[in-house]
Amino acid sequence: MTSVEKVRRELGRYEHLLLEFGAEETTAGGVELVIRLRAPVAGAHEYRAPLHERDIAHPQFPWSFQRHLYDCMHDYLCELFVRNPQQLNAGAEGQP
């Protein structure tokens, strides 16, 4: 079983109401985790995160992968903010 097949098999254990998961081979021969919205939204991008071969080959891959997947989901959802208080150009405090 190839690394991308192993990741896809592991992803088959997850189903989310809002997100779809995938795994793709990179041009360099690695594997990339892909997260996208089930229902496309204008301006929303796909989230891509590399997976290291040593991590995929590790016996504890299912556990470490779950943590990585959840971390990536968190990062992706945070990246979809249109505005937040930490933006430099957010304007005066209390103003939308």
N, C-alpha and C. Protein backbone atom coordinates (compact mmCIF):
# COMPACT_ATOMS: atom_id res chain seq x y z
N MET A 1 0.85 -1.18 0.00
CA MET A 1 0.00 0.00 0.00
C MET A 1 0.90 1.24 0.00
N THR A 2 0.58 2.17 -0.89
CA THR A 2 1.37 3.40 -0.97
C THR A 2 0.99 4.34 0.18
N SER A 3 1.80 5.35 0.36
CA SER A 3 1.54 6.32 1.43
C SER A 3 0.22 7.06 1.21
N VAL A 4 -0.05 7.48 -0.02
CA VAL A 4 -1.30 8.20 -0.29
C VAL A 4 -2.50 7.28 -0.06
N GLU A 5 -2.38 6.01 -0.39
CA GLU A 5 -3.46 5.05 -0.12
C GLU A 5 -3.68 4.88 1.38
N LYS A 6 -2.59 4.84 2.13
CA LYS A 6 -2.70 4.71 3.59
C LYS A 6 -3.41 5.92 4.19
N VAL A 7 -3.08 7.11 3.71
CA VAL A 7 -3.73 8.32 4.21
C VAL A 7 -5.20 8.32 3.81
N ARG A 8 -5.51 7.95 2.58
CA ARG A 8 -6.91 7.91 2.13
C ARG A 8 -7.71 6.89 2.93
N ARG A 9 -7.10 5.76 3.22
CA ARG A 9 -7.79 4.76 4.05
C ARG A 9 -8.10 5.33 5.43
N GLU A 10 -7.15 6.04 6.00
CA GLU A 10 -7.36 6.65 7.32
C GLU A 10 -8.43 7.73 7.24
N LEU A 11 -8.42 8.53 6.18
CA LEU A 11 -9.43 9.57 6.01
C LEU A 11 -10.83 8.97 5.86
N GLY A 12 -10.92 7.75 5.35
CA GLY A 12 -12.20 7.07 5.21
C GLY A 12 -12.90 6.83 6.53
N ARG A 13 -12.17 6.95 7.61
CA ARG A 13 -12.73 6.76 8.95
C ARG A 13 -13.40 8.03 9.48
N TYR A 14 -13.27 9.14 8.74
CA TYR A 14 -13.79 10.43 9.18
C TYR A 14 -14.86 10.92 8.21
N GLU A 15 -15.91 11.51 8.77
CA GLU A 15 -16.93 12.18 7.97
C GLU A 15 -17.36 13.41 8.74
N HIS A 16 -17.44 14.54 8.06
CA HIS A 16 -17.76 15.81 8.69
C HIS A 16 -18.91 16.46 7.94
N LEU A 17 -19.78 17.16 8.65
CA LEU A 17 -20.93 17.79 8.02
C LEU A 17 -20.55 18.92 7.06
N LEU A 18 -19.51 19.67 7.39
CA LEU A 18 -19.15 20.85 6.60
C LEU A 18 -17.94 20.65 5.69
N LEU A 19 -17.07 19.71 6.05
CA LEU A 19 -15.79 19.59 5.36
C LEU A 19 -15.64 18.26 4.63
N GLU A 20 -14.90 18.30 3.53
CA GLU A 20 -14.49 17.09 2.81
C GLU A 20 -12.98 16.97 2.94
N PHE A 21 -12.50 15.74 3.01
CA PHE A 21 -11.08 15.48 3.17
C PHE A 21 -10.57 14.66 2.00
N GLY A 22 -9.33 14.92 1.63
CA GLY A 22 -8.70 14.16 0.58
C GLY A 22 -7.21 14.09 0.80
N ALA A 23 -6.57 13.25 0.01
CA ALA A 23 -5.11 13.13 0.04
C ALA A 23 -4.63 13.05 -1.39
N GLU A 24 -3.59 13.79 -1.70
CA GLU A 24 -3.03 13.82 -3.05
C GLU A 24 -1.53 13.66 -2.99
N GLU A 25 -0.99 13.03 -4.02
CA GLU A 25 0.46 12.96 -4.15
C GLU A 25 0.97 14.29 -4.66
N THR A 26 2.09 14.71 -4.13
CA THR A 26 2.72 15.94 -4.60
C THR A 26 3.65 15.62 -5.76
N THR A 27 4.07 16.64 -6.47
CA THR A 27 5.00 16.42 -7.58
C THR A 27 6.34 15.87 -7.09
N ALA A 28 6.67 16.14 -5.82
CA ALA A 28 7.92 15.65 -5.25
C ALA A 28 7.78 14.23 -4.71
N GLY A 29 6.58 13.63 -4.84
CA GLY A 29 6.39 12.27 -4.38
C GLY A 29 5.87 12.15 -2.96
N GLY A 30 5.61 13.27 -2.30
CA GLY A 30 5.05 13.25 -0.95
C GLY A 30 3.54 13.16 -0.97
N VAL A 31 2.95 13.35 0.19
CA VAL A 31 1.49 13.31 0.32
C VAL A 31 1.03 14.61 0.95
N GLU A 32 -0.08 15.11 0.44
CA GLU A 32 -0.65 16.35 0.94
C GLU A 32 -2.09 16.09 1.38
N LEU A 33 -2.41 16.52 2.59
CA LEU A 33 -3.77 16.47 3.10
C LEU A 33 -4.53 17.65 2.50
N VAL A 34 -5.74 17.41 2.00
CA VAL A 34 -6.55 18.47 1.40
C VAL A 34 -7.87 18.54 2.16
N ILE A 35 -8.22 19.76 2.60
CA ILE A 35 -9.49 19.99 3.28
C ILE A 35 -10.22 21.08 2.52
N ARG A 36 -11.49 20.84 2.22
CA ARG A 36 -12.31 21.84 1.51
C ARG A 36 -13.71 21.80 2.08
N LEU A 37 -14.44 22.88 1.83
CA LEU A 37 -15.84 22.94 2.25
C LEU A 37 -16.68 22.04 1.36
N ARG A 38 -17.66 21.35 1.94
CA ARG A 38 -18.57 20.52 1.14
C ARG A 38 -19.37 21.38 0.17
N ALA A 39 -19.89 22.49 0.67
CA ALA A 39 -20.65 23.44 -0.16
C ALA A 39 -19.74 24.64 -0.41
N PRO A 40 -19.27 24.82 -1.62
CA PRO A 40 -18.36 25.93 -1.90
C PRO A 40 -18.93 27.29 -1.52
N VAL A 41 -18.07 28.13 -1.01
CA VAL A 41 -18.41 29.50 -0.63
C VAL A 41 -17.43 30.42 -1.35
N ALA A 42 -17.94 31.49 -1.94
CA ALA A 42 -17.07 32.43 -2.65
C ALA A 42 -15.97 32.93 -1.72
N GLY A 43 -14.75 32.85 -2.19
CA GLY A 43 -13.61 33.34 -1.42
C GLY A 43 -12.96 32.29 -0.52
N ALA A 44 -13.61 31.15 -0.34
CA ALA A 44 -13.03 30.10 0.50
C ALA A 44 -12.07 29.25 -0.33
N HIS A 45 -10.91 29.02 0.21
CA HIS A 45 -9.89 28.25 -0.48
C HIS A 45 -9.85 26.82 0.05
N GLU A 46 -9.08 25.97 -0.61
CA GLU A 46 -8.77 24.64 -0.09
C GLU A 46 -7.60 24.77 0.86
N TYR A 47 -7.60 23.97 1.88
CA TYR A 47 -6.48 23.95 2.82
C TYR A 47 -5.62 22.74 2.46
N ARG A 48 -4.33 22.96 2.36
CA ARG A 48 -3.40 21.88 2.01
C ARG A 48 -2.29 21.83 3.05
N ALA A 49 -2.00 20.63 3.49
CA ALA A 49 -0.95 20.45 4.50
C ALA A 49 -0.12 19.21 4.15
N PRO A 50 1.19 19.35 4.14
CA PRO A 50 2.03 18.20 3.81
C PRO A 50 2.04 17.18 4.95
N LEU A 51 2.18 15.92 4.56
CA LEU A 51 2.36 14.83 5.52
C LEU A 51 3.73 14.23 5.26
N HIS A 52 4.49 14.02 6.31
CA HIS A 52 5.84 13.48 6.15
C HIS A 52 5.80 11.96 6.09
N GLU A 53 6.60 11.42 5.20
CA GLU A 53 6.66 9.98 4.99
C GLU A 53 6.94 9.22 6.29
N ARG A 54 7.84 9.76 7.11
CA ARG A 54 8.18 9.08 8.37
C ARG A 54 6.97 9.00 9.30
N ASP A 55 6.10 10.03 9.25
CA ASP A 55 4.90 10.02 10.09
C ASP A 55 3.89 9.00 9.58
N ILE A 56 3.75 8.90 8.27
CA ILE A 56 2.81 7.95 7.67
C ILE A 56 3.26 6.52 7.96
N ALA A 57 4.56 6.28 7.95
CA ALA A 57 5.11 4.94 8.18
C ALA A 57 5.13 4.54 9.65
N HIS A 58 4.97 5.49 10.55
CA HIS A 58 5.06 5.21 11.99
C HIS A 58 3.88 4.34 12.44
N PRO A 59 4.14 3.40 13.36
CA PRO A 59 3.05 2.53 13.85
C PRO A 59 1.91 3.29 14.53
N GLN A 60 2.19 4.47 15.06
CA GLN A 60 1.16 5.26 15.72
C GLN A 60 0.49 6.27 14.78
N PHE A 61 0.62 6.04 13.47
CA PHE A 61 0.08 6.97 12.49
C PHE A 61 -1.39 7.33 12.72
N PRO A 62 -2.29 6.38 12.97
CA PRO A 62 -3.70 6.77 13.16
C PRO A 62 -3.89 7.82 14.26
N TRP A 63 -3.15 7.72 15.33
CA TRP A 63 -3.30 8.67 16.45
C TRP A 63 -2.67 10.01 16.12
N SER A 64 -1.47 9.98 15.56
CA SER A 64 -0.81 11.25 15.22
C SER A 64 -1.54 11.94 14.08
N PHE A 65 -2.11 11.14 13.16
CA PHE A 65 -2.85 11.72 12.05
C PHE A 65 -4.11 12.43 12.55
N GLN A 66 -4.80 11.83 13.51
CA GLN A 66 -6.00 12.47 14.04
C GLN A 66 -5.67 13.85 14.61
N ARG A 67 -4.60 13.92 15.37
CA ARG A 67 -4.21 15.22 15.93
C ARG A 67 -3.87 16.21 14.82
N HIS A 68 -3.13 15.75 13.81
CA HIS A 68 -2.75 16.61 12.69
C HIS A 68 -4.00 17.08 11.94
N LEU A 69 -4.93 16.16 11.70
CA LEU A 69 -6.17 16.52 11.00
C LEU A 69 -6.95 17.56 11.78
N TYR A 70 -7.10 17.36 13.08
CA TYR A 70 -7.85 18.31 13.90
C TYR A 70 -7.15 19.67 13.97
N ASP A 71 -5.84 19.67 14.05
CA ASP A 71 -5.08 20.93 14.04
C ASP A 71 -5.29 21.65 12.71
N CYS A 72 -5.27 20.90 11.61
CA CYS A 72 -5.46 21.51 10.28
C CYS A 72 -6.88 22.04 10.13
N MET A 73 -7.87 21.32 10.64
CA MET A 73 -9.25 21.80 10.59
C MET A 73 -9.38 23.11 11.35
N HIS A 74 -8.77 23.18 12.50
CA HIS A 74 -8.80 24.42 13.30
C HIS A 74 -8.16 25.56 12.53
N ASP A 75 -6.99 25.32 11.98
CA ASP A 75 -6.29 26.36 11.21
C ASP A 75 -7.12 26.81 10.02
N TYR A 76 -7.70 25.85 9.31
CA TYR A 76 -8.48 26.18 8.12
C TYR A 76 -9.68 27.04 8.48
N LEU A 77 -10.42 26.66 9.49
CA LEU A 77 -11.59 27.45 9.88
C LEU A 77 -11.19 28.84 10.35
N CYS A 78 -10.07 28.96 11.04
CA CYS A 78 -9.60 30.28 11.45
C CYS A 78 -9.18 31.12 10.25
N GLU A 79 -8.62 30.51 9.24
CA GLU A 79 -8.21 31.24 8.03
C GLU A 79 -9.42 31.79 7.28
N LEU A 80 -10.60 31.26 7.53
CA LEU A 80 -11.79 31.70 6.81
C LEU A 80 -12.43 32.95 7.43
N PHE A 81 -11.87 33.45 8.53
CA PHE A 81 -12.38 34.71 9.07
C PHE A 81 -12.24 35.80 8.02
N VAL A 82 -13.26 36.59 7.87
CA VAL A 82 -13.23 37.74 6.96
C VAL A 82 -12.67 38.94 7.69
N ARG A 83 -12.95 39.01 8.98
CA ARG A 83 -12.45 40.10 9.82
C ARG A 83 -12.30 39.56 11.24
N ASN A 84 -11.28 40.05 11.94
CA ASN A 84 -11.10 39.72 13.35
C ASN A 84 -10.38 40.87 14.04
N PRO A 85 -10.42 40.92 15.36
CA PRO A 85 -9.83 42.06 16.10
C PRO A 85 -8.32 42.18 15.95
N GLN A 86 -7.63 41.11 15.53
CA GLN A 86 -6.17 41.17 15.44
C GLN A 86 -5.68 41.76 14.12
N GLN A 87 -6.56 42.03 13.18
CA GLN A 87 -6.13 42.62 11.92
C GLN A 87 -5.62 44.03 12.14
N LEU A 88 -4.59 44.37 11.45
CA LEU A 88 -3.99 45.71 11.60
C LEU A 88 -4.94 46.81 11.12
N ASN A 89 -5.74 46.52 10.14
CA ASN A 89 -6.63 47.53 9.57
C ASN A 89 -8.08 47.34 10.01
N ALA A 90 -8.28 46.77 11.19
CA ALA A 90 -9.65 46.47 11.65
C ALA A 90 -10.42 47.73 12.01
N GLY A 91 -9.78 48.88 12.08
CA GLY A 91 -10.47 50.12 12.40
C GLY A 91 -10.48 50.37 13.88
N ALA A 92 -11.21 51.37 14.28
CA ALA A 92 -11.29 51.74 15.68
C ALA A 92 -12.01 50.66 16.46
N GLU A 93 -11.61 50.50 17.71
CA GLU A 93 -12.22 49.49 18.58
C GLU A 93 -13.72 49.75 18.70
N GLY A 94 -14.48 48.67 18.60
CA GLY A 94 -15.92 48.77 18.74
C GLY A 94 -16.64 49.08 17.44
N GLN A 95 -15.89 49.35 16.37
CA GLN A 95 -16.52 49.65 15.09
C GLN A 95 -16.50 48.41 14.21
N PRO A 96 -17.55 48.12 13.51
CA PRO A 96 -17.60 46.94 12.63
C PRO A 96 -16.67 47.06 11.44
